[in-house]
Amino acid sequence: MRLFTKNVREIHEKAGESVIDYIVPTIVVGIFVYAAVKRVDVFAAFCEGAESGLRTCFEILPALVLLIVCIGVFRASGAVEALTKLLTPLCNAVNFPADAVPLVILRPFSGSGAMAVYNEIAVQCGADSFAERVAATLIGSSETTFYTLAVYFSAVKVKKTRYAAAAALSADCTAWLVCGAVVYAFFGAG
């Protein structure tokens, strides 16, 4: 019986791999067939879409450059470490590891900065430590709020964000407060 299930599993894996190999080419051919039926000039439509995409990139570039520079200044100034020391007592009260506080601070600003902090936590604390699990949960359950606001609002030329930033930051705070409790409930502190 074991031999039979092994062979069936291998057949399914090979069949799955062969199907996956044809998904993207099938979609591309389908687009060309649909365009031919509708009599659409594919090259002109592609060029128009590329031009629109490049125009959008140039429009949001100043906001992105400003955000990247501000994050660099913020990290280099030592503000992250100062805020970490300031927030440590609150973190202890809500069962959130102090090692993950820099991630809480940087996540709303920068996804790549948050991933660098996450990697530091995983290396320093260990892959299955409480701090690493909380950091992984926080990465998965929160958003790069200011990056997203900068990109989307500048792309559509919104000047007044009204309550969007406050709502997004309250969601980030909720993720911060809840993820420590959830990880503790599922895995414990050790």
Protein backbone atom coordinates (compact mmCIF):
# COMPACT_ATOMS: atom_id res chain seq x y z
CA MET A 1 0.00 0.00 0.00
CA ARG A 2 2.83 2.39 0.86
CA LEU A 3 4.39 1.90 -2.60
CA PHE A 4 1.05 2.64 -4.25
CA THR A 5 0.54 5.92 -2.35
CA LYS A 6 4.12 6.96 -3.08
CA ASN A 7 3.60 6.40 -6.82
CA VAL A 8 0.28 8.28 -6.79
CA ARG A 9 1.94 11.19 -4.96
CA GLU A 10 4.76 11.29 -7.54
CA ILE A 11 2.24 11.25 -10.41
CA HIS A 12 0.29 14.15 -8.82
CA GLU A 13 3.48 16.15 -8.24
CA LYS A 14 4.63 15.65 -11.83
CA ALA A 15 1.17 16.49 -13.19
CA GLY A 16 1.05 19.60 -11.00
CA GLU A 17 4.46 20.73 -12.21
CA SER A 18 3.49 20.27 -15.85
CA VAL A 19 0.26 22.27 -15.38
CA ILE A 20 2.13 25.06 -13.63
CA ASP A 21 4.60 25.27 -16.51
CA TYR A 22 1.76 26.13 -18.90
CA ILE A 23 -0.30 28.61 -16.88
CA VAL A 24 1.52 31.83 -17.84
CA PRO A 25 1.95 30.97 -21.53
CA THR A 26 -1.75 30.04 -21.68
CA ILE A 27 -2.73 33.39 -20.19
CA VAL A 28 -0.50 35.28 -22.66
CA VAL A 29 -1.87 33.35 -25.64
CA GLY A 30 -5.40 33.89 -24.33
CA ILE A 31 -4.81 37.65 -24.19
CA PHE A 32 -3.54 37.67 -27.78
CA VAL A 33 -6.48 35.57 -28.99
CA TYR A 34 -8.96 37.84 -27.18
CA ALA A 35 -7.26 40.92 -28.68
CA ALA A 36 -7.39 39.39 -32.16
CA VAL A 37 -11.10 38.60 -31.80
CA LYS A 38 -11.83 42.15 -30.55
CA ARG A 39 -9.48 43.64 -33.18
CA VAL A 40 -7.32 45.47 -30.64
CA ASP A 41 -3.84 46.69 -31.57
CA VAL A 42 -1.91 44.88 -28.83
CA PHE A 43 1.34 46.77 -29.37
CA ALA A 44 -0.35 50.18 -29.18
CA ALA A 45 -2.30 49.17 -26.07
CA PHE A 46 0.89 47.87 -24.44
CA CYS A 47 2.76 51.10 -25.24
CA GLU A 48 -0.10 53.21 -23.90
CA GLY A 49 -0.18 51.19 -20.65
CA ALA A 50 3.61 51.39 -20.25
CA GLU A 51 3.52 55.16 -20.80
CA SER A 52 0.78 55.55 -18.20
CA GLY A 53 2.74 53.40 -15.72
CA LEU A 54 5.92 55.41 -16.21
CA ARG A 55 4.02 58.68 -15.79
CA THR A 56 2.62 57.39 -12.48
CA CYS A 57 6.11 56.36 -11.35
CA PHE A 58 7.47 59.84 -12.02
CA GLU A 59 4.54 61.45 -10.19
CA ILE A 60 5.03 59.44 -7.00
CA LEU A 61 8.84 59.45 -7.06
CA PRO A 62 9.29 62.64 -4.95
CA ALA A 63 7.11 61.24 -2.16
CA LEU A 64 9.05 57.96 -2.16
CA VAL A 65 12.44 59.68 -2.12
CA LEU A 66 11.35 61.88 0.78
CA LEU A 67 10.07 58.86 2.70
CA ILE A 68 13.30 56.90 2.16
CA VAL A 69 15.46 59.85 3.26
CA CYS A 70 13.32 60.41 6.37
CA ILE A 71 13.60 56.74 7.35
CA GLY A 72 17.38 56.87 6.96
CA VAL A 73 17.61 59.99 9.11
CA PHE A 74 15.25 58.49 11.69
CA ARG A 75 17.33 55.33 12.06
CA ALA A 76 20.70 57.11 12.00
CA SER A 77 19.64 59.68 14.60
CA GLY A 78 19.15 57.10 17.32
CA ALA A 79 15.46 57.91 17.62
CA VAL A 80 14.52 54.25 17.17
CA GLU A 81 16.63 53.24 20.17
CA ALA A 82 15.25 56.11 22.27
CA LEU A 83 11.65 55.19 21.44
CA THR A 84 12.42 51.55 22.17
CA LYS A 85 13.62 52.45 25.68
CA LEU A 86 10.58 54.67 26.17
CA LEU A 87 8.08 51.98 25.07
CA THR A 88 9.68 49.01 26.89
CA PRO A 89 7.61 49.38 30.11
CA LEU A 90 4.38 49.53 28.09
CA CYS A 91 5.48 46.49 26.10
CA ASN A 92 6.15 44.55 29.28
CA ALA A 93 2.64 45.42 30.49
CA VAL A 94 0.99 43.98 27.36
CA ASN A 95 3.31 40.95 27.08
CA PHE A 96 5.10 42.25 23.99
CA PRO A 97 8.82 41.47 23.74
CA ALA A 98 11.06 44.53 23.97
CA ASP A 99 13.29 43.05 21.23
CA ALA A 100 10.46 43.58 18.74
CA VAL A 101 9.78 47.24 19.58
CA PRO A 102 12.05 48.58 16.78
CA LEU A 103 9.89 46.59 14.37
CA VAL A 104 6.75 48.29 15.73
CA ILE A 105 8.38 51.67 15.17
CA LEU A 106 9.71 51.05 11.64
CA ARG A 107 6.94 48.89 10.16
CA PRO A 108 4.54 51.77 9.41
CA PHE A 109 7.31 53.54 7.48
CA SER A 110 9.33 50.93 5.62
CA GLY A 111 8.80 47.34 4.60
CA SER A 112 12.46 46.74 3.78
CA GLY A 113 13.57 48.42 7.02
CA ALA A 114 11.09 46.26 8.94
CA MET A 115 12.41 43.12 7.26
CA ALA A 116 15.97 44.09 8.21
CA VAL A 117 14.87 44.53 11.83
CA TYR A 118 13.01 41.21 11.66
CA ASN A 119 16.16 39.47 10.43
CA GLU A 120 18.11 41.00 13.33
CA ILE A 121 15.49 39.71 15.78
CA ALA A 122 15.60 36.21 14.26
CA VAL A 123 19.42 36.11 14.44
CA GLN A 124 19.72 37.57 17.95
CA CYS A 125 16.78 35.83 19.63
CA GLY A 126 16.56 32.59 17.64
CA ALA A 127 14.16 31.31 15.03
CA ASP A 128 11.57 29.87 17.42
CA SER A 129 11.85 32.42 20.20
CA PHE A 130 8.87 34.36 21.49
CA ALA A 131 10.28 37.63 20.11
CA GLU A 132 10.80 36.14 16.64
CA ARG A 133 7.30 34.66 16.53
CA VAL A 134 5.78 37.95 17.62
CA ALA A 135 7.87 39.80 15.02
CA ALA A 136 6.80 37.38 12.28
CA THR A 137 3.16 37.79 13.28
CA LEU A 138 3.52 41.57 13.31
CA ILE A 139 5.13 41.58 9.84
CA GLY A 140 2.22 39.52 8.51
CA SER A 141 -0.56 41.44 10.22
CA SER A 142 0.47 45.06 9.77
CA GLU A 143 1.06 47.42 6.87
CA THR A 144 3.67 49.92 5.77
CA THR A 145 1.14 52.62 6.49
CA PHE A 146 3.00 55.80 5.53
CA TYR A 147 4.56 54.20 2.44
CA THR A 148 1.11 53.09 1.28
CA LEU A 149 -0.42 56.50 2.00
CA ALA A 150 2.43 58.26 0.17
CA VAL A 151 2.18 56.04 -2.89
CA TYR A 152 -1.58 55.81 -3.28
CA PHE A 153 -2.55 59.33 -2.30
CA SER A 154 0.17 60.89 -4.44
CA ALA A 155 -0.78 58.66 -7.37
CA VAL A 156 -4.33 59.98 -7.34
CA LYS A 157 -3.26 63.48 -6.24
CA VAL A 158 -5.09 63.53 -2.91
CA LYS A 159 -3.84 66.39 -0.75
CA LYS A 160 -5.97 65.93 2.39
CA THR A 161 -6.00 62.40 3.75
CA ARG A 162 -8.64 63.20 6.40
CA TYR A 163 -8.95 60.16 8.66
CA ALA A 164 -7.01 57.64 6.57
CA ALA A 165 -3.72 58.01 8.47
CA ALA A 166 -5.40 57.89 11.89
CA ALA A 167 -7.46 54.83 10.94
CA ALA A 168 -4.42 53.04 9.51
CA LEU A 169 -2.30 53.84 12.56
CA SER A 170 -5.03 52.61 14.90
CA ALA A 171 -5.06 49.35 12.95
CA ASP A 172 -1.27 49.17 13.34
CA CYS A 173 -1.59 49.75 17.10
CA THR A 174 -4.22 47.04 17.28
CA ALA A 175 -1.92 44.62 15.48
CA TRP A 176 0.89 45.55 17.86
CA LEU A 177 -1.23 45.01 20.97
CA VAL A 178 -2.92 41.83 19.78
CA CYS A 179 -0.05 39.94 18.16
CA GLY A 180 1.88 39.54 21.42
CA ALA A 181 -1.23 38.16 23.14
CA VAL A 182 -2.05 35.81 20.26
CA VAL A 183 1.48 34.41 20.04
CA TYR A 184 1.53 34.00 23.82
CA ALA A 185 -1.82 32.17 23.72
CA PHE A 186 -0.68 29.76 21.00
CA PHE A 187 2.99 29.22 21.86
CA GLY A 188 3.58 30.58 25.36
CA ALA A 189 6.42 32.90 26.28
CA GLY A 190 9.21 30.34 25.98
